[in-house]
Amino acid sequence: MFDDWAWSSYKRVLKEAREPTPFKSAAQKRYKRQRRKNDIHTTKGGHKNLGTGAPFSGKMKRAGTDRLRFENLQEILGEDIDFSELEPKEGLSPTLWEGELLREEIGDQLLQVAYDFLEYLDLEVDMKELLLVGSMAGYNYSRYSDIDLHIVLDFGAISADKGLLERYFKLAKSKWNATRTLMLSGHDVEVYVEDTEDDRIPSATYSVMKASWVTKPSREGLTIDYEGVTKKVSEKMGEIEALQELHDSGEDKEAYRFGIKLRSKIKNFRQAGLEGDGEYSNENLAFKVLKRSGALDRINDMVKACYLRMRSGLPE
């Protein structure tokens, strides 16, 4: 009698056997990852100086490890992602900045976005500050980066229930961003609301209202721990694959709960990284890699599919 785990594994093997592209199948990818792990135990260590020393005196390691960077992640996530875009740039984004000053027309457009959002809220409240933060305010921007626009309000002037306001603004922001395609210089504009009393994540911050820096960007600490990022991405991909197995086996209730929990976990671990080591924390970079690979969309799609199947009551 098969137990649940054995039966799920058996069905997965049958599914993999029927896949039309075996060299890109889940099984082949898993075998390849295992071969890479085993390789470090089977590769001979060469001698560093060919003129002296006994053969195979070098330290045992896989060939090319010193230049590995994100190559092993490409085996897991695919070849279409340009991981080099995570590297820090020499200057700020020229589409938004002229030297270290925000382009005047960009500042005017961002202010208009903020005022439009406040009109959408329909609240009698003054904007205390408008801040540009995140990758597009620093040296770690890329073509994938959003323009993170933070509207600062005095929550106390609106309601004494700060928790209620936070939930309201979060919902309003989600609806606003979902119903509008806000693009500026090829980048999505994401609007956030924060309180004047909130602690901010230490990162480059520019005041759009005052046209001046609150915290200037710095290259200090802009180094990537490739091994650390790869480890965190691999861990999360393992959990996503576990979710995929639950989804494919029709365990909708369990998959739905697991997917919701996984989404929250990934969000929280990114936030912890930002608050700890900032933009170049392993957690934040791992989040960016997962997002660009489509892994986060996979989670959302599976959660949605399981929810709809549970609501419909129809078999898979």
Protein backbone atom coordinates (compact mmCIF):
# COMPACT_ATOMS: atom_id res chain seq x y z
CA MET A 1 0.00 0.00 0.00
CA PHE A 2 1.50 3.31 -1.09
CA ASP A 3 1.56 6.14 1.38
CA ASP A 4 0.74 9.68 0.17
CA TRP A 5 4.36 10.64 -0.43
CA ALA A 6 5.15 7.51 -2.42
CA TRP A 7 2.02 7.86 -4.52
CA SER A 8 2.80 11.53 -5.29
CA SER A 9 6.35 10.60 -6.25
CA TYR A 10 5.10 7.78 -8.49
CA LYS A 11 2.72 10.14 -10.31
CA ARG A 12 5.49 12.71 -10.72
CA VAL A 13 7.79 10.13 -12.33
CA LEU A 14 5.03 9.13 -14.75
CA LYS A 15 4.41 12.76 -15.63
CA GLU A 16 8.12 13.38 -16.24
CA ALA A 17 8.34 10.30 -18.44
CA ARG A 18 5.64 11.72 -20.70
CA GLU A 19 7.26 15.15 -21.06
CA PRO A 20 8.05 15.89 -24.74
CA THR A 21 11.33 17.71 -24.05
CA PRO A 22 13.30 15.41 -21.73
CA PHE A 23 16.46 17.52 -21.72
CA LYS A 24 14.48 20.38 -20.19
CA SER A 25 12.29 18.24 -17.97
CA ALA A 26 12.16 18.56 -14.20
CA ALA A 27 13.86 15.17 -13.89
CA GLN A 28 16.79 16.11 -16.13
CA LYS A 29 17.27 19.38 -14.25
CA ARG A 30 17.26 17.50 -10.96
CA TYR A 31 19.79 14.96 -12.24
CA LYS A 32 22.01 17.75 -13.51
CA ARG A 33 21.94 19.52 -10.15
CA GLN A 34 22.88 16.29 -8.40
CA ARG A 35 25.75 15.69 -10.85
CA ARG A 36 27.11 19.13 -10.04
CA LYS A 37 26.97 18.32 -6.32
CA ASN A 38 28.73 14.99 -6.88
CA ASP A 39 31.28 16.57 -9.20
CA ILE A 40 33.13 18.26 -6.37
CA HIS A 41 33.93 14.82 -4.93
CA THR A 42 35.03 13.27 -8.24
CA THR A 43 37.06 16.05 -9.88
CA LYS A 44 40.81 15.70 -9.42
CA GLY A 45 42.71 18.59 -7.94
CA GLY A 46 45.45 19.75 -10.30
CA HIS A 47 48.84 21.13 -9.35
CA LYS A 48 49.16 24.90 -9.53
CA ASN A 49 52.79 24.96 -10.62
CA LEU A 50 53.52 22.54 -13.45
CA GLY A 51 57.29 22.78 -12.95
CA THR A 52 57.33 21.50 -9.38
CA GLY A 53 55.30 19.43 -6.98
CA ALA A 54 53.54 16.10 -7.13
CA PRO A 55 50.53 15.68 -9.37
CA PHE A 56 47.05 16.25 -7.91
CA SER A 57 48.40 18.27 -5.00
CA GLY A 58 45.92 21.08 -5.47
CA LYS A 59 42.90 21.45 -3.26
CA MET A 60 39.93 19.38 -4.43
CA LYS A 61 37.32 21.59 -6.07
CA ARG A 62 35.07 21.74 -9.07
CA ALA A 63 36.63 23.33 -12.15
CA GLY A 64 35.70 26.98 -12.58
CA THR A 65 34.39 27.50 -9.06
CA ASP A 66 36.30 30.75 -8.69
CA ARG A 67 34.30 32.16 -11.61
CA LEU A 68 31.04 30.39 -10.86
CA ARG A 69 28.93 33.40 -9.90
CA PHE A 70 25.35 32.64 -11.02
CA GLU A 71 26.01 29.93 -13.62
CA ASN A 72 24.46 27.19 -11.47
CA LEU A 73 21.36 29.33 -10.97
CA GLN A 74 20.92 29.49 -14.73
CA GLU A 75 20.73 25.70 -14.77
CA ILE A 76 17.84 25.88 -12.31
CA LEU A 77 16.04 28.95 -13.63
CA GLY A 78 16.96 29.01 -17.32
CA GLU A 79 19.35 30.86 -19.60
CA ASP A 80 17.14 33.87 -20.35
CA ILE A 81 17.98 35.84 -17.20
CA ASP A 82 20.88 38.28 -17.32
CA PHE A 83 22.22 38.06 -13.78
CA SER A 84 24.93 40.60 -14.58
CA GLU A 85 22.22 43.28 -14.30
CA LEU A 86 22.32 42.81 -10.54
CA GLU A 87 25.83 44.26 -10.48
CA PRO A 88 26.15 47.91 -9.33
CA LYS A 89 26.41 50.55 -12.06
CA GLU A 90 28.95 53.34 -12.38
CA GLY A 91 26.32 56.07 -12.13
CA LEU A 92 22.62 56.70 -11.56
CA SER A 93 20.03 55.86 -14.21
CA PRO A 94 20.42 58.45 -17.01
CA THR A 95 16.72 58.17 -17.83
CA LEU A 96 15.82 59.73 -14.45
CA TRP A 97 18.94 61.56 -13.40
CA GLU A 98 21.28 64.19 -14.73
CA GLY A 99 24.36 63.58 -12.67
CA GLU A 100 22.98 63.42 -9.13
CA LEU A 101 19.99 65.68 -9.79
CA LEU A 102 16.57 64.34 -10.71
CA ARG A 103 15.53 65.59 -14.13
CA GLU A 104 13.01 68.41 -13.74
CA GLU A 105 10.42 66.85 -16.04
CA ILE A 106 10.69 63.55 -14.14
CA GLY A 107 10.13 65.31 -10.81
CA ASP A 108 7.04 67.10 -12.20
CA GLN A 109 5.59 63.80 -13.45
CA LEU A 110 6.19 62.05 -10.13
CA LEU A 111 4.50 64.89 -8.24
CA GLN A 112 1.51 64.62 -10.57
CA VAL A 113 1.28 60.87 -9.91
CA ALA A 114 1.26 61.54 -6.16
CA TYR A 115 -1.45 64.21 -6.38
CA ASP A 116 -3.56 61.95 -8.59
CA PHE A 117 -3.30 59.20 -5.99
CA LEU A 118 -4.31 61.53 -3.16
CA GLU A 119 -7.30 62.66 -5.21
CA TYR A 120 -8.18 58.99 -5.70
CA LEU A 121 -8.10 58.49 -1.90
CA ASP A 122 -10.56 61.39 -1.48
CA LEU A 123 -9.15 62.32 1.92
CA GLU A 124 -8.67 65.78 3.38
CA VAL A 125 -4.95 65.38 4.02
CA ASP A 126 -1.77 67.19 3.01
CA MET A 127 1.24 65.39 1.61
CA LYS A 128 4.16 65.97 3.98
CA GLU A 129 6.86 64.53 1.73
CA LEU A 130 7.31 62.63 -1.53
CA LEU A 131 10.27 60.29 -1.65
CA LEU A 132 11.95 58.37 -4.45
CA VAL A 133 13.65 55.28 -3.00
CA GLY A 134 14.93 51.88 -4.03
CA SER A 135 16.98 50.75 -7.00
CA MET A 136 16.11 53.70 -9.25
CA ALA A 137 17.54 56.05 -6.63
CA GLY A 138 20.81 54.13 -6.42
CA TYR A 139 23.48 52.34 -8.42
CA ASN A 140 21.72 48.96 -8.50
CA TYR A 141 18.98 49.80 -11.01
CA SER A 142 18.22 47.68 -14.06
CA ARG A 143 15.65 47.48 -16.82
CA TYR A 144 13.50 45.44 -14.42
CA SER A 145 13.46 48.06 -11.65
CA ASP A 146 10.27 49.81 -10.53
CA ILE A 147 10.21 53.48 -9.60
CA ASP A 148 9.27 53.30 -5.90
CA LEU A 149 7.39 56.44 -4.93
CA HIS A 150 6.60 56.90 -1.22
CA ILE A 151 3.92 59.40 -0.23
CA VAL A 152 4.43 60.52 3.37
CA LEU A 153 1.32 61.49 5.34
CA ASP A 154 0.58 62.34 8.96
CA PHE A 155 -1.55 59.36 9.92
CA GLY A 156 -2.40 60.96 13.28
CA ALA A 157 -4.19 63.82 11.50
CA ILE A 158 -6.51 61.29 9.79
CA SER A 159 -7.24 58.65 12.45
CA ALA A 160 -5.95 57.41 15.78
CA ASP A 161 -6.16 53.82 14.50
CA LYS A 162 -2.85 53.52 12.64
CA GLY A 163 -3.30 49.81 11.98
CA LEU A 164 -6.62 50.44 10.25
CA LEU A 165 -5.08 53.20 8.12
CA GLU A 166 -2.18 50.98 7.11
CA ARG A 167 -4.58 48.29 5.91
CA TYR A 168 -6.70 50.86 4.08
CA PHE A 169 -3.74 52.43 2.28
CA LYS A 170 -2.35 49.02 1.39
CA LEU A 171 -5.65 48.02 -0.21
CA ALA A 172 -6.04 51.39 -1.94
CA LYS A 173 -2.48 51.21 -3.27
CA SER A 174 -3.05 47.69 -4.61
CA LYS A 175 -6.23 48.74 -6.42
CA TRP A 176 -4.59 51.88 -7.76
CA ASN A 177 -1.55 50.05 -9.10
CA ALA A 178 -3.69 47.22 -10.51
CA THR A 179 -6.06 49.48 -12.45
CA ARG A 180 -3.42 51.78 -13.93
CA THR A 181 -0.36 51.12 -16.04
CA LEU A 182 1.97 53.84 -14.83
CA MET A 183 5.15 53.86 -16.88
CA LEU A 184 7.88 56.46 -16.75
CA SER A 185 10.99 56.18 -18.91
CA GLY A 186 10.26 52.49 -19.42
CA HIS A 187 9.82 51.70 -15.71
CA ASP A 188 6.65 50.90 -13.73
CA VAL A 189 5.77 53.44 -11.05
CA GLU A 190 4.79 51.83 -7.73
CA VAL A 191 3.03 54.07 -5.20
CA TYR A 192 3.32 53.47 -1.44
CA VAL A 193 1.98 55.37 1.58
CA GLU A 194 3.91 55.77 4.82
CA ASP A 195 3.49 57.67 8.08
CA THR A 196 5.71 60.54 9.16
CA GLU A 197 6.58 58.44 12.23
CA ASP A 198 7.63 55.31 10.29
CA ASP A 199 11.22 54.09 10.41
CA ARG A 200 12.69 53.93 6.93
CA ILE A 201 14.89 51.23 5.48
CA PRO A 202 18.45 52.60 5.18
CA SER A 203 18.88 53.18 1.44
CA ALA A 204 19.27 56.00 -1.07
CA THR A 205 16.35 58.41 -0.62
CA TYR A 206 15.54 61.51 -2.68
CA SER A 207 12.96 64.17 -1.77
CA VAL A 208 10.98 64.95 -4.92
CA MET A 209 9.20 67.86 -3.19
CA LYS A 210 12.44 69.52 -2.08
CA ALA A 211 14.52 68.39 -5.07
CA SER A 212 17.33 67.26 -2.78
CA TRP A 213 18.80 64.10 -1.28
CA VAL A 214 17.68 62.83 2.10
CA THR A 215 20.26 60.05 1.94
CA LYS A 216 22.73 59.99 -0.94
CA PRO A 217 23.47 56.71 -2.70
CA SER A 218 26.74 55.01 -1.82
CA ARG A 219 28.80 52.25 -3.39
CA GLU A 220 29.91 51.04 0.03
CA GLY A 221 28.79 47.48 0.59
CA LEU A 222 27.62 47.03 -3.02
CA THR A 223 29.10 43.59 -3.40
CA ILE A 224 27.24 40.38 -4.19
CA ASP A 225 27.64 37.24 -2.11
CA TYR A 226 27.03 34.92 -5.08
CA GLU A 227 27.18 31.76 -3.02
CA GLY A 228 24.80 33.13 -0.40
CA VAL A 229 22.27 34.39 -2.95
CA THR A 230 22.40 31.10 -4.87
CA LYS A 231 21.78 29.14 -1.66
CA LYS A 232 18.71 31.19 -0.76
CA VAL A 233 17.27 30.99 -4.28
CA SER A 234 17.83 27.23 -4.36
CA GLU A 235 16.06 26.84 -1.00
CA LYS A 236 13.04 28.80 -2.19
CA MET A 237 12.96 26.97 -5.55
CA GLY A 238 12.84 23.71 -3.61
CA GLU A 239 9.74 24.96 -1.78
CA ILE A 240 8.18 26.13 -5.06
CA GLU A 241 8.76 22.67 -6.55
CA ALA A 242 7.06 21.15 -3.49
CA LEU A 243 4.11 23.47 -4.10
CA GLN A 244 4.08 22.40 -7.76
CA GLU A 245 3.82 18.73 -6.73
CA LEU A 246 0.87 19.46 -4.44
CA HIS A 247 -0.79 21.50 -7.18
CA ASP A 248 -0.26 18.83 -9.85
CA SER A 249 -1.51 16.03 -7.59
CA GLY A 250 -4.80 17.86 -7.00
CA GLU A 251 -4.19 18.54 -3.30
CA ASP A 252 -5.85 21.94 -3.73
CA LYS A 253 -6.56 22.78 -0.10
CA GLU A 254 -3.08 21.90 1.07
CA ALA A 255 -1.44 23.56 -1.95
CA TYR A 256 -3.47 26.75 -1.45
CA ARG A 257 -2.48 27.04 2.20
CA PHE A 258 1.14 26.22 1.45
CA GLY A 259 1.26 28.75 -1.42
CA ILE A 260 -0.18 31.56 0.73
CA LYS A 261 2.33 30.80 3.45
CA LEU A 262 5.21 30.62 0.97
CA ARG A 263 4.31 34.00 -0.55
CA SER A 264 4.27 35.60 2.88
CA LYS A 265 7.54 33.91 3.82
CA ILE A 266 9.33 35.20 0.73
CA LYS A 267 8.00 38.72 1.29
CA ASN A 268 9.06 38.71 4.95
CA PHE A 269 12.51 37.33 4.28
CA ARG A 270 13.08 40.06 1.68
CA GLN A 271 11.92 42.74 4.15
CA ALA A 272 14.25 41.35 6.81
CA GLY A 273 17.15 41.54 4.36
CA LEU A 274 16.38 45.15 3.42
CA GLU A 275 16.17 46.17 7.05
CA GLY A 276 19.39 44.33 7.87
CA ASP A 277 21.94 44.65 5.09
CA GLY A 278 19.98 46.83 2.66
CA GLU A 279 19.54 46.59 -1.10
CA TYR A 280 22.45 44.19 -1.56
CA SER A 281 21.38 41.75 1.14
CA ASN A 282 21.26 38.12 0.04
CA GLU A 283 17.53 38.06 0.74
CA ASN A 284 16.71 41.08 -1.43
CA LEU A 285 18.89 39.89 -4.31
CA ALA A 286 17.38 36.41 -4.06
CA PHE A 287 13.93 38.00 -4.24
CA LYS A 288 14.93 39.90 -7.40
CA VAL A 289 16.25 36.72 -9.01
CA LEU A 290 13.03 34.83 -8.17
CA LYS A 291 10.90 37.66 -9.50
CA ARG A 292 12.80 37.98 -12.78
CA SER A 293 12.76 34.24 -13.34
CA GLY A 294 8.96 34.14 -13.11
CA ALA A 295 9.08 31.96 -9.98
CA LEU A 296 6.88 34.37 -8.00
CA ASP A 297 4.32 34.42 -10.82
CA ARG A 298 4.31 30.60 -10.67
CA ILE A 299 3.34 30.75 -7.00
CA ASN A 300 0.55 33.25 -7.68
CA ASP A 301 -0.78 31.21 -10.61
CA MET A 302 -0.86 27.99 -8.60
CA VAL A 303 -2.53 29.65 -5.60
CA LYS A 304 -5.16 31.17 -7.87
CA ALA A 305 -5.77 27.88 -9.71
CA CYS A 306 -6.20 25.95 -6.46
CA TYR A 307 -8.57 28.57 -5.09
CA LEU A 308 -10.74 28.49 -8.21
CA ARG A 309 -10.86 24.68 -8.20
CA MET A 310 -11.87 24.64 -4.54
CA ARG A 311 -14.61 27.20 -5.20
CA SER A 312 -15.91 25.40 -8.26
CA GLY A 313 -15.87 21.97 -6.66
CA LEU A 314 -14.94 20.49 -10.01
CA PRO A 315 -12.31 17.74 -10.35
CA GLU A 316 -8.93 18.64 -11.81
